[in-house]
């Protein structure tokens, strides 16, 4: 489990695409002794450390635990770089969020927030108290300050700064996190700092991105209960804050594409997988379709 590895820096716009670009140019960009990473990346030392962490936590790069600590792109990182190098498409942002929200080892607070943390409305104290109990049950003891910093980083990741501090917001400061576009956390009471988990707005989540996650979690199973998709840890319902109505509507859209069949009989609601696509195939198909639409 890992906490506060971001050194309090949430993902800034342009960071991840810059990181991927420079990893391709020099896999040792973060550990080079010949060229200062700060000069190459144009950010401070602590930000370099944070970017190195975020690239891995979001599933874009990987590096060995020992030996030469050079980074290489993951298959997901390669697919995103080839199709959306500036990481501007909503589908790309959902994929980055999915990897974060399911990364128990490297982004433990994100995993806990989306998969284990049950309150819909919450404060920092709610989160800190409950994750502390969760960790103690697993024999882990983490400093409260580290947990608080992770909580603050989660809020900054998904709530744009103009909403957090409208009086202090300056349009010239382009340091929002791109994942704020997903709208997964909303402010309930700014003064009391009460927030709530929010379902995606209609048409924000492309059916093929949802299918990619379902197939990734299905582990080659060809029949999956809809209740599992909604309620299982790391599955679409949890990580995307989907209620059963929104999930069902999206499943029927995937069915209309011919990839699945929704079967509702005898109180057992399931989907039958009717494609040989895997996780990466769905992602490539998503990019192909949005690119074709852009050309039209």
C-alpha atoms as a PDB file:
ATOM      1  CA  UNK A   1       0.000   0.000   0.000  1.00  0.00           C
ATOM      2  CA  UNK A   2       1.199   3.487  -0.817  1.00  0.00           C
ATOM      3  CA  UNK A   3       0.201   6.889   0.543  1.00  0.00           C
ATOM      4  CA  UNK A   4       1.269  10.462  -0.240  1.00  0.00           C
ATOM      5  CA  UNK A   5       3.613   9.347  -3.021  1.00  0.00           C
ATOM      6  CA  UNK A   6       2.426  12.392  -5.004  1.00  0.00           C
ATOM      7  CA  UNK A   7       4.101  14.728  -2.477  1.00  0.00           C
ATOM      8  CA  UNK A   8       0.774  16.707  -2.348  1.00  0.00           C
ATOM      9  CA  UNK A   9       0.879  17.508  -6.097  1.00  0.00           C
ATOM     10  CA  UNK A  10      -2.238  16.369  -7.965  1.00  0.00           C
ATOM     11  CA  UNK A  11      -2.051  15.724 -11.727  1.00  0.00           C
ATOM     12  CA  UNK A  12      -1.812  18.990 -13.669  1.00  0.00           C
ATOM     13  CA  UNK A  13      -3.078  19.483 -17.211  1.00  0.00           C
ATOM     14  CA  UNK A  14      -0.393  18.496 -19.685  1.00  0.00           C
ATOM     15  CA  UNK A  15       1.714  16.605 -17.158  1.00  0.00           C
ATOM     16  CA  UNK A  16       0.943  13.064 -18.239  1.00  0.00           C
ATOM     17  CA  UNK A  17       1.324  13.701 -21.971  1.00  0.00           C
ATOM     18  CA  UNK A  18       4.613  15.500 -21.307  1.00  0.00           C
ATOM     19  CA  UNK A  19       5.772  12.606 -19.136  1.00  0.00           C
ATOM     20  CA  UNK A  20       4.922   9.977 -21.759  1.00  0.00           C
ATOM     21  CA  UNK A  21       6.597  11.994 -24.517  1.00  0.00           C
ATOM     22  CA  UNK A  22       9.815  12.287 -22.526  1.00  0.00           C
ATOM     23  CA  UNK A  23       9.821   8.637 -21.438  1.00  0.00           C
ATOM     24  CA  UNK A  24       9.706   7.697 -25.118  1.00  0.00           C
ATOM     25  CA  UNK A  25      12.614  10.040 -25.840  1.00  0.00           C
ATOM     26  CA  UNK A  26      14.626   8.829 -22.840  1.00  0.00           C
ATOM     27  CA  UNK A  27      13.436   5.940 -20.623  1.00  0.00           C
ATOM     28  CA  UNK A  28      15.865   7.148 -17.931  1.00  0.00           C
ATOM     29  CA  UNK A  29      14.456  10.686 -17.903  1.00  0.00           C
ATOM     30  CA  UNK A  30      13.517  10.517 -14.205  1.00  0.00           C
ATOM     31  CA  UNK A  31      16.782   8.992 -13.003  1.00  0.00           C
ATOM     32  CA  UNK A  32      19.335  10.384 -15.425  1.00  0.00           C
ATOM     33  CA  UNK A  33      22.651  11.549 -13.955  1.00  0.00           C
ATOM     34  CA  UNK A  34      23.693  13.197 -17.174  1.00  0.00           C
ATOM     35  CA  UNK A  35      20.691  15.462 -17.787  1.00  0.00           C
ATOM     36  CA  UNK A  36      18.762  17.114 -14.961  1.00  0.00           C
ATOM     37  CA  UNK A  37      15.123  15.860 -15.076  1.00  0.00           C
ATOM     38  CA  UNK A  38      13.948  19.295 -13.895  1.00  0.00           C
ATOM     39  CA  UNK A  39      15.490  20.917 -16.972  1.00  0.00           C
ATOM     40  CA  UNK A  40      14.064  18.287 -19.302  1.00  0.00           C
ATOM     41  CA  UNK A  41      10.538  18.359 -17.890  1.00  0.00           C
ATOM     42  CA  UNK A  42      10.428  22.030 -16.980  1.00  0.00           C
ATOM     43  CA  UNK A  43       9.088  21.450 -13.449  1.00  0.00           C
ATOM     44  CA  UNK A  44      10.535  21.510  -9.924  1.00  0.00           C
ATOM     45  CA  UNK A  45      12.188  18.612  -8.132  1.00  0.00           C
ATOM     46  CA  UNK A  46       9.131  17.634  -6.068  1.00  0.00           C
ATOM     47  CA  UNK A  47       6.921  17.849  -9.141  1.00  0.00           C
ATOM     48  CA  UNK A  48       9.305  15.559 -11.027  1.00  0.00           C
ATOM     49  CA  UNK A  49       8.918  13.021  -8.232  1.00  0.00           C
ATOM     50  CA  UNK A  50       5.126  13.409  -8.353  1.00  0.00           C
ATOM     51  CA  UNK A  51       4.964  13.034 -12.148  1.00  0.00           C
ATOM     52  CA  UNK A  52       7.096   9.906 -12.007  1.00  0.00           C
ATOM     53  CA  UNK A  53       4.601   8.490  -9.523  1.00  0.00           C
ATOM     54  CA  UNK A  54       1.457   9.559 -11.404  1.00  0.00           C
ATOM     55  CA  UNK A  55       2.581   8.023 -14.698  1.00  0.00           C
ATOM     56  CA  UNK A  56       2.771   4.636 -12.992  1.00  0.00           C
ATOM     57  CA  UNK A  57      -0.270   5.028 -10.741  1.00  0.00           C
ATOM     58  CA  UNK A  58      -2.426   5.916 -13.772  1.00  0.00           C
ATOM     59  CA  UNK A  59      -1.197   2.846 -15.662  1.00  0.00           C
ATOM     60  CA  UNK A  60       0.700   4.676 -18.401  1.00  0.00           C
ATOM     61  CA  UNK A  61       4.244   3.553 -17.567  1.00  0.00           C
ATOM     62  CA  UNK A  62       6.041   0.926 -15.555  1.00  0.00           C
ATOM     63  CA  UNK A  63       9.517   0.584 -14.152  1.00  0.00           C
ATOM     64  CA  UNK A  64      11.378  -2.346 -12.551  1.00  0.00           C
ATOM     65  CA  UNK A  65      11.626  -2.554  -8.768  1.00  0.00           C
ATOM     66  CA  UNK A  66      15.373  -3.131  -8.974  1.00  0.00           C
ATOM     67  CA  UNK A  67      18.228  -2.603 -11.390  1.00  0.00           C
ATOM     68  CA  UNK A  68      17.924   0.193 -13.970  1.00  0.00           C
ATOM     69  CA  UNK A  69      14.870   2.241 -12.953  1.00  0.00           C
ATOM     70  CA  UNK A  70      14.030   3.188 -16.509  1.00  0.00           C
ATOM     71  CA  UNK A  71      10.385   3.653 -17.454  1.00  0.00           C
ATOM     72  CA  UNK A  72       8.594   2.024 -20.367  1.00  0.00           C
ATOM     73  CA  UNK A  73       5.065   2.486 -21.620  1.00  0.00           C
ATOM     74  CA  UNK A  74       2.431  -0.068 -20.671  1.00  0.00           C
ATOM     75  CA  UNK A  75       0.135  -1.417 -23.417  1.00  0.00           C
ATOM     76  CA  UNK A  76      -2.491   1.092 -22.233  1.00  0.00           C
ATOM     77  CA  UNK A  77       0.088   3.875 -22.328  1.00  0.00           C
ATOM     78  CA  UNK A  78       1.011   2.943 -25.889  1.00  0.00           C
ATOM     79  CA  UNK A  79      -2.628   2.851 -27.012  1.00  0.00           C
ATOM     80  CA  UNK A  80      -3.347   6.261 -25.494  1.00  0.00           C
ATOM     81  CA  UNK A  81      -0.164   7.821 -26.874  1.00  0.00           C
ATOM     82  CA  UNK A  82      -0.836   6.548 -30.388  1.00  0.00           C
ATOM     83  CA  UNK A  83      -4.478   7.657 -30.460  1.00  0.00           C
ATOM     84  CA  UNK A  84      -4.703  10.632 -28.101  1.00  0.00           C
ATOM     85  CA  UNK A  85      -1.169  11.904 -27.356  1.00  0.00           C
ATOM     86  CA  UNK A  86      -2.401  15.069 -25.616  1.00  0.00           C
ATOM     87  CA  UNK A  87      -4.920  13.090 -23.535  1.00  0.00           C
ATOM     88  CA  UNK A  88      -7.860  15.335 -24.344  1.00  0.00           C
ATOM     89  CA  UNK A  89     -10.603  12.797 -25.081  1.00  0.00           C
ATOM     90  CA  UNK A  90     -13.102  11.986 -22.334  1.00  0.00           C
ATOM     91  CA  UNK A  91     -12.559   8.277 -22.907  1.00  0.00           C
ATOM     92  CA  UNK A  92      -8.858   8.724 -22.164  1.00  0.00           C
ATOM     93  CA  UNK A  93      -9.669  10.495 -18.902  1.00  0.00           C
ATOM     94  CA  UNK A  94     -12.049   7.695 -17.881  1.00  0.00           C
ATOM     95  CA  UNK A  95      -9.335   5.123 -18.551  1.00  0.00           C
ATOM     96  CA  UNK A  96      -6.790   7.024 -16.464  1.00  0.00           C
ATOM     97  CA  UNK A  97      -9.359   7.300 -13.672  1.00  0.00           C
ATOM     98  CA  UNK A  98     -10.133   3.581 -13.930  1.00  0.00           C
ATOM     99  CA  UNK A  99      -6.497   2.647 -13.490  1.00  0.00           C
ATOM    100  CA  UNK A 100      -6.162   4.984 -10.509  1.00  0.00           C
ATOM    101  CA  UNK A 101      -9.352   3.814  -8.815  1.00  0.00           C
ATOM    102  CA  UNK A 102      -8.350   0.154  -9.081  1.00  0.00           C
ATOM    103  CA  UNK A 103      -4.699   0.561  -8.085  1.00  0.00           C
ATOM    104  CA  UNK A 104      -4.701  -0.789  -4.529  1.00  0.00           C
ATOM    105  CA  UNK A 105      -0.902  -0.983  -4.294  1.00  0.00           C
ATOM    106  CA  UNK A 106       0.142   2.403  -5.685  1.00  0.00           C
ATOM    107  CA  UNK A 107      -2.963   4.586  -5.182  1.00  0.00           C
ATOM    108  CA  UNK A 108      -4.441   3.035  -2.060  1.00  0.00           C
ATOM    109  CA  UNK A 109      -6.555   6.045  -1.039  1.00  0.00           C
ATOM    110  CA  UNK A 110      -8.104   6.211  -4.534  1.00  0.00           C
ATOM    111  CA  UNK A 111      -8.905   2.507  -4.441  1.00  0.00           C
ATOM    112  CA  UNK A 112     -10.470   2.848  -1.002  1.00  0.00           C
ATOM    113  CA  UNK A 113     -12.479   5.958  -1.891  1.00  0.00           C
ATOM    114  CA  UNK A 114     -14.165   4.435  -4.929  1.00  0.00           C
ATOM    115  CA  UNK A 115     -14.447   0.791  -3.854  1.00  0.00           C
ATOM    116  CA  UNK A 116     -14.701   0.591  -0.057  1.00  0.00           C
ATOM    117  CA  UNK A 117     -15.884   4.013   1.147  1.00  0.00           C
ATOM    118  CA  UNK A 118     -19.671   3.823   1.354  1.00  0.00           C
ATOM    119  CA  UNK A 119     -20.959   7.344   2.242  1.00  0.00           C
ATOM    120  CA  UNK A 120     -22.398   9.304  -0.658  1.00  0.00           C
ATOM    121  CA  UNK A 121     -21.974  12.595   1.201  1.00  0.00           C
ATOM    122  CA  UNK A 122     -18.827  13.014   3.274  1.00  0.00           C
ATOM    123  CA  UNK A 123     -16.269  15.243   4.942  1.00  0.00           C
ATOM    124  CA  UNK A 124     -12.545  14.814   5.351  1.00  0.00           C
ATOM    125  CA  UNK A 125     -13.083  13.486   8.867  1.00  0.00           C
ATOM    126  CA  UNK A 126     -15.481  10.803   7.562  1.00  0.00           C
ATOM    127  CA  UNK A 127     -12.886   9.588   5.097  1.00  0.00           C
ATOM    128  CA  UNK A 128      -9.905   9.714   7.463  1.00  0.00           C
ATOM    129  CA  UNK A 129     -11.755   7.897  10.247  1.00  0.00           C
ATOM    130  CA  UNK A 130     -13.093   5.131   8.035  1.00  0.00           C
ATOM    131  CA  UNK A 131      -9.939   4.449   6.033  1.00  0.00           C
ATOM    132  CA  UNK A 132      -7.953   4.373   9.281  1.00  0.00           C
ATOM    133  CA  UNK A 133     -10.259   1.601  10.580  1.00  0.00           C
ATOM    134  CA  UNK A 134      -9.947  -0.228   7.255  1.00  0.00           C
ATOM    135  CA  UNK A 135      -6.157  -0.091   7.386  1.00  0.00           C
ATOM    136  CA  UNK A 136      -5.966  -1.199  11.018  1.00  0.00           C
ATOM    137  CA  UNK A 137      -8.039  -4.274  10.198  1.00  0.00           C
ATOM    138  CA  UNK A 138      -5.398  -5.101   7.582  1.00  0.00           C
ATOM    139  CA  UNK A 139      -2.575  -4.568  10.067  1.00  0.00           C
ATOM    140  CA  UNK A 140      -1.469  -1.268   8.504  1.00  0.00           C
ATOM    141  CA  UNK A 141      -0.797   1.932  10.436  1.00  0.00           C
ATOM    142  CA  UNK A 142      -0.456   5.088   8.344  1.00  0.00           C
ATOM    143  CA  UNK A 143       0.189   8.604   9.665  1.00  0.00           C
ATOM    144  CA  UNK A 144      -3.011  10.671   9.744  1.00  0.00           C
ATOM    145  CA  UNK A 145      -1.253  13.521   7.942  1.00  0.00           C
ATOM    146  CA  UNK A 146      -0.506  11.258   4.975  1.00  0.00           C
ATOM    147  CA  UNK A 147      -4.145  10.142   4.787  1.00  0.00           C
ATOM    148  CA  UNK A 148      -5.342  13.754   4.989  1.00  0.00           C
ATOM    149  CA  UNK A 149      -2.962  14.751   2.196  1.00  0.00           C
ATOM    150  CA  UNK A 150      -4.298  11.936   0.030  1.00  0.00           C
ATOM    151  CA  UNK A 151      -7.876  13.012   0.747  1.00  0.00           C
ATOM    152  CA  UNK A 152      -7.086  16.606  -0.210  1.00  0.00           C
ATOM    153  CA  UNK A 153      -5.427  15.345  -3.380  1.00  0.00           C
ATOM    154  CA  UNK A 154      -8.496  13.254  -4.281  1.00  0.00           C
ATOM    155  CA  UNK A 155     -10.744  16.290  -3.912  1.00  0.00           C
ATOM    156  CA  UNK A 156      -8.362  18.434  -5.999  1.00  0.00           C
ATOM    157  CA  UNK A 157      -8.261  15.691  -8.634  1.00  0.00           C
ATOM    158  CA  UNK A 158     -12.012  15.613  -9.224  1.00  0.00           C
ATOM    159  CA  UNK A 159     -13.235  19.105  -8.222  1.00  0.00           C
ATOM    160  CA  UNK A 160     -12.047  22.029 -10.412  1.00  0.00           C
ATOM    161  CA  UNK A 161     -10.334  24.849  -8.510  1.00  0.00           C
ATOM    162  CA  UNK A 162     -12.927  27.403  -9.613  1.00  0.00           C
ATOM    163  CA  UNK A 163     -15.484  25.435  -7.601  1.00  0.00           C
ATOM    164  CA  UNK A 164     -13.198  24.917  -4.617  1.00  0.00           C
ATOM    165  CA  UNK A 165     -12.099  28.552  -4.304  1.00  0.00           C
ATOM    166  CA  UNK A 166     -13.976  30.781  -6.787  1.00  0.00           C
ATOM    167  CA  UNK A 167     -12.634  33.987  -5.200  1.00  0.00           C
ATOM    168  CA  UNK A 168      -9.021  32.862  -5.479  1.00  0.00           C
ATOM    169  CA  UNK A 169      -9.331  31.308  -8.929  1.00  0.00           C
ATOM    170  CA  UNK A 170      -7.349  32.911 -11.729  1.00  0.00           C
ATOM    171  CA  UNK A 171      -7.976  31.870 -15.368  1.00  0.00           C
ATOM    172  CA  UNK A 172      -4.268  32.343 -16.091  1.00  0.00           C
ATOM    173  CA  UNK A 173      -3.353  29.545 -13.677  1.00  0.00           C
ATOM    174  CA  UNK A 174      -3.927  26.432 -15.729  1.00  0.00           C
ATOM    175  CA  UNK A 175      -3.199  23.919 -12.993  1.00  0.00           C
ATOM    176  CA  UNK A 176      -6.508  22.062 -12.749  1.00  0.00           C
ATOM    177  CA  UNK A 177      -6.489  18.284 -12.937  1.00  0.00           C
ATOM    178  CA  UNK A 178      -8.008  17.055 -16.216  1.00  0.00           C
ATOM    179  CA  UNK A 179      -9.968  14.373 -14.321  1.00  0.00           C
ATOM    180  CA  UNK A 180     -12.091  17.192 -12.910  1.00  0.00           C
ATOM    181  CA  UNK A 181     -13.968  17.075 -16.227  1.00  0.00           C
ATOM    182  CA  UNK A 182     -15.485  13.740 -15.204  1.00  0.00           C
ATOM    183  CA  UNK A 183     -17.593  15.339 -12.466  1.00  0.00           C
ATOM    184  CA  UNK A 184     -17.276  12.414 -10.050  1.00  0.00           C
ATOM    185  CA  UNK A 185     -17.224  14.610  -6.931  1.00  0.00           C
ATOM    186  CA  UNK A 186     -19.460  17.617  -6.286  1.00  0.00           C
ATOM    187  CA  UNK A 187     -19.543  20.224  -3.516  1.00  0.00           C
ATOM    188  CA  UNK A 188     -22.547  20.024  -1.186  1.00  0.00           C
ATOM    189  CA  UNK A 189     -21.521  22.732   1.285  1.00  0.00           C
ATOM    190  CA  UNK A 190     -18.401  24.757   0.472  1.00  0.00           C
ATOM    191  CA  UNK A 191     -18.159  26.404   3.889  1.00  0.00           C
ATOM    192  CA  UNK A 192     -18.527  23.132   5.811  1.00  0.00           C
ATOM    193  CA  UNK A 193     -16.427  21.303   3.198  1.00  0.00           C
ATOM    194  CA  UNK A 194     -19.035  18.639   2.574  1.00  0.00           C
ATOM    195  CA  UNK A 195     -18.778  16.760  -0.725  1.00  0.00           C
ATOM    196  CA  UNK A 196     -20.660  13.988  -2.467  1.00  0.00           C
ATOM    197  CA  UNK A 197     -19.925  11.270  -4.986  1.00  0.00           C
ATOM    198  CA  UNK A 198     -21.583  12.124  -8.263  1.00  0.00           C
ATOM    199  CA  UNK A 199     -22.801   9.950 -11.128  1.00  0.00           C
ATOM    200  CA  UNK A 200     -21.537  10.826 -14.618  1.00  0.00           C
ATOM    201  CA  UNK A 201     -23.808  13.054 -16.666  1.00  0.00           C
ATOM    202  CA  UNK A 202     -25.624  11.489 -19.578  1.00  0.00           C
ATOM    203  CA  UNK A 203     -23.357  10.705 -22.547  1.00  0.00           C
ATOM    204  CA  UNK A 204     -20.197  11.512 -20.547  1.00  0.00           C
ATOM    205  CA  UNK A 205     -19.168   7.842 -20.435  1.00  0.00           C
ATOM    206  CA  UNK A 206     -18.767   6.170 -23.823  1.00  0.00           C
ATOM    207  CA  UNK A 207     -20.262   2.645 -23.976  1.00  0.00           C
ATOM    208  CA  UNK A 208     -17.011   1.192 -25.337  1.00  0.00           C
ATOM    209  CA  UNK A 209     -15.061   2.493 -22.339  1.00  0.00           C
ATOM    210  CA  UNK A 210     -17.600   0.855 -20.068  1.00  0.00           C
ATOM    211  CA  UNK A 211     -17.301  -2.380 -22.065  1.00  0.00           C
ATOM    212  CA  UNK A 212     -13.509  -2.258 -21.802  1.00  0.00           C
ATOM    213  CA  UNK A 213     -13.770  -2.154 -18.006  1.00  0.00           C
ATOM    214  CA  UNK A 214     -16.386  -4.915 -17.903  1.00  0.00           C
ATOM    215  CA  UNK A 215     -14.203  -7.180 -20.046  1.00  0.00           C
ATOM    216  CA  UNK A 216     -11.108  -6.316 -18.013  1.00  0.00           C
ATOM    217  CA  UNK A 217     -12.897  -7.396 -14.846  1.00  0.00           C
ATOM    218  CA  UNK A 218     -14.652 -10.414 -16.414  1.00  0.00           C
ATOM    219  CA  UNK A 219     -11.413 -12.435 -16.689  1.00  0.00           C
ATOM    220  CA  UNK A 220     -12.648 -14.220 -19.837  1.00  0.00           C
ATOM    221  CA  UNK A 221     -16.077 -15.092 -18.380  1.00  0.00           C
ATOM    222  CA  UNK A 222     -18.798 -14.990 -21.026  1.00  0.00           C
ATOM    223  CA  UNK A 223     -21.762 -14.474 -18.693  1.00  0.00           C
ATOM    224  CA  UNK A 224     -21.712 -11.807 -15.975  1.00  0.00           C
ATOM    225  CA  UNK A 225     -24.342 -10.731 -13.478  1.00  0.00           C
ATOM    226  CA  UNK A 226     -25.327  -7.092 -13.768  1.00  0.00           C
ATOM    227  CA  UNK A 227     -25.230  -6.886  -9.968  1.00  0.00           C
ATOM    228  CA  UNK A 228     -21.524  -7.834 -10.114  1.00  0.00           C
ATOM    229  CA  UNK A 229     -20.819  -5.091 -12.643  1.00  0.00           C
ATOM    230  CA  UNK A 230     -22.498  -2.581 -10.358  1.00  0.00           C
ATOM    231  CA  UNK A 231     -21.306  -3.752  -6.933  1.00  0.00           C
ATOM    232  CA  UNK A 232     -18.022  -5.666  -7.213  1.00  0.00           C
ATOM    233  CA  UNK A 233     -14.840  -3.875  -6.207  1.00  0.00           C
ATOM    234  CA  UNK A 234     -12.977  -2.410  -9.200  1.00  0.00           C
ATOM    235  CA  UNK A 235     -15.909  -2.955 -11.531  1.00  0.00           C
ATOM    236  CA  UNK A 236     -17.699  -0.256 -13.484  1.00  0.00           C
ATOM    237  CA  UNK A 237     -20.471   0.550 -11.014  1.00  0.00           C
ATOM    238  CA  UNK A 238     -18.027   1.289  -8.218  1.00  0.00           C
ATOM    239  CA  UNK A 239     -15.284   3.139 -10.058  1.00  0.00           C
ATOM    240  CA  UNK A 240     -17.655   5.219 -12.216  1.00  0.00           C
ATOM    241  CA  UNK A 241     -20.258   5.972  -9.484  1.00  0.00           C
ATOM    242  CA  UNK A 242     -22.986   4.377 -11.626  1.00  0.00           C
ATOM    243  CA  UNK A 243     -26.438   3.679 -10.210  1.00  0.00           C
ATOM    244  CA  UNK A 244     -28.440   0.795 -11.643  1.00  0.00           C
ATOM    245  CA  UNK A 245     -30.494   3.044 -13.935  1.00  0.00           C
ATOM    246  CA  UNK A 246     -27.463   4.651 -15.577  1.00  0.00           C
ATOM    247  CA  UNK A 247     -25.634   1.326 -15.789  1.00  0.00           C
ATOM    248  CA  UNK A 248     -28.592  -0.463 -17.385  1.00  0.00           C
ATOM    249  CA  UNK A 249     -29.036   2.309 -19.960  1.00  0.00           C
ATOM    250  CA  UNK A 250     -25.369   2.018 -20.939  1.00  0.00           C
ATOM    251  CA  UNK A 251     -25.568  -1.770 -21.138  1.00  0.00           C
ATOM    252  CA  UNK A 252     -28.458  -1.513 -23.598  1.00  0.00           C
ATOM    253  CA  UNK A 253     -26.389   0.876 -25.705  1.00  0.00           C
ATOM    254  CA  UNK A 254     -23.568  -1.691 -25.779  1.00  0.00           C
ATOM    255  CA  UNK A 255     -26.131  -4.341 -26.717  1.00  0.00           C
ATOM    256  CA  UNK A 256     -27.301  -2.181 -29.641  1.00  0.00           C
ATOM    257  CA  UNK A 257     -23.698  -2.234 -30.892  1.00  0.00           C
ATOM    258  CA  UNK A 258     -23.781  -6.043 -30.943  1.00  0.00           C
ATOM    259  CA  UNK A 259     -21.104  -6.677 -28.308  1.00  0.00           C
ATOM    260  CA  UNK A 260     -23.327  -8.099 -25.552  1.00  0.00           C
ATOM    261  CA  UNK A 261     -26.815  -9.450 -24.927  1.00  0.00           C
ATOM    262  CA  UNK A 262     -28.744  -8.278 -21.863  1.00  0.00           C
ATOM    263  CA  UNK A 263     -30.710 -11.206 -20.444  1.00  0.00           C
ATOM    264  CA  UNK A 264     -33.344 -10.579 -17.784  1.00  0.00           C
ATOM    265  CA  UNK A 265     -35.119 -13.800 -16.751  1.00  0.00           C
ATOM    266  CA  UNK A 266     -36.314 -15.340 -13.482  1.00  0.00           C
ATOM    267  CA  UNK A 267     -34.917 -12.458 -11.462  1.00  0.00           C
ATOM    268  CA  UNK A 268     -31.371 -13.169 -12.652  1.00  0.00           C
ATOM    269  CA  UNK A 269     -30.145 -10.247 -14.721  1.00  0.00           C
ATOM    270  CA  UNK A 270     -26.971 -11.019 -16.677  1.00  0.00           C
ATOM    271  CA  UNK A 271     -25.109  -9.940 -19.752  1.00  0.00           C
ATOM    272  CA  UNK A 272     -23.760 -12.428 -22.259  1.00  0.00           C
ATOM    273  CA  UNK A 273     -20.504 -11.417 -23.944  1.00  0.00           C
ATOM    274  CA  UNK A 274     -20.833 -11.743 -27.718  1.00  0.00           C
ATOM    275  CA  UNK A 275     -17.449 -10.446 -28.809  1.00  0.00           C
ATOM    276  CA  UNK A 276     -13.886 -11.684 -28.829  1.00  0.00           C
ATOM    277  CA  UNK A 277     -12.672  -8.197 -27.960  1.00  0.00           C
ATOM    278  CA  UNK A 278     -10.487  -7.700 -24.922  1.00  0.00           C
ATOM    279  CA  UNK A 279      -9.707  -4.571 -22.880  1.00  0.00           C
ATOM    280  CA  UNK A 280      -7.270  -3.069 -25.401  1.00  0.00           C
ATOM    281  CA  UNK A 281      -9.434  -4.026 -28.388  1.00  0.00           C
ATOM    282  CA  UNK A 282     -12.306  -1.995 -26.935  1.00  0.00           C
ATOM    283  CA  UNK A 283     -10.008   0.966 -26.418  1.00  0.00           C
ATOM    284  CA  UNK A 284      -8.738   0.824 -30.001  1.00  0.00           C
ATOM    285  CA  UNK A 285     -12.328   0.545 -31.268  1.00  0.00           C
ATOM    286  CA  UNK A 286     -13.315   3.544 -29.155  1.00  0.00           C
ATOM    287  CA  UNK A 287     -10.558   5.678 -30.680  1.00  0.00           C
ATOM    288  CA  UNK A 288     -11.357   4.435 -34.171  1.00  0.00           C
ATOM    289  CA  UNK A 289     -15.001   5.429 -33.826  1.00  0.00           C
ATOM    290  CA  UNK A 290     -14.399   8.883 -32.406  1.00  0.00           C
ATOM    291  CA  UNK A 291     -11.719   9.558 -35.034  1.00  0.00           C
ATOM    292  CA  UNK A 292     -14.077   8.431 -37.814  1.00  0.00           C
ATOM    293  CA  UNK A 293     -16.747  10.747 -36.401  1.00  0.00           C
ATOM    294  CA  UNK A 294     -14.277  13.642 -36.311  1.00  0.00           C
ATOM    295  CA  UNK A 295     -13.433  13.122 -40.000  1.00  0.00           C
ATOM    296  CA  UNK A 296     -17.067  13.080 -41.085  1.00  0.00           C
END
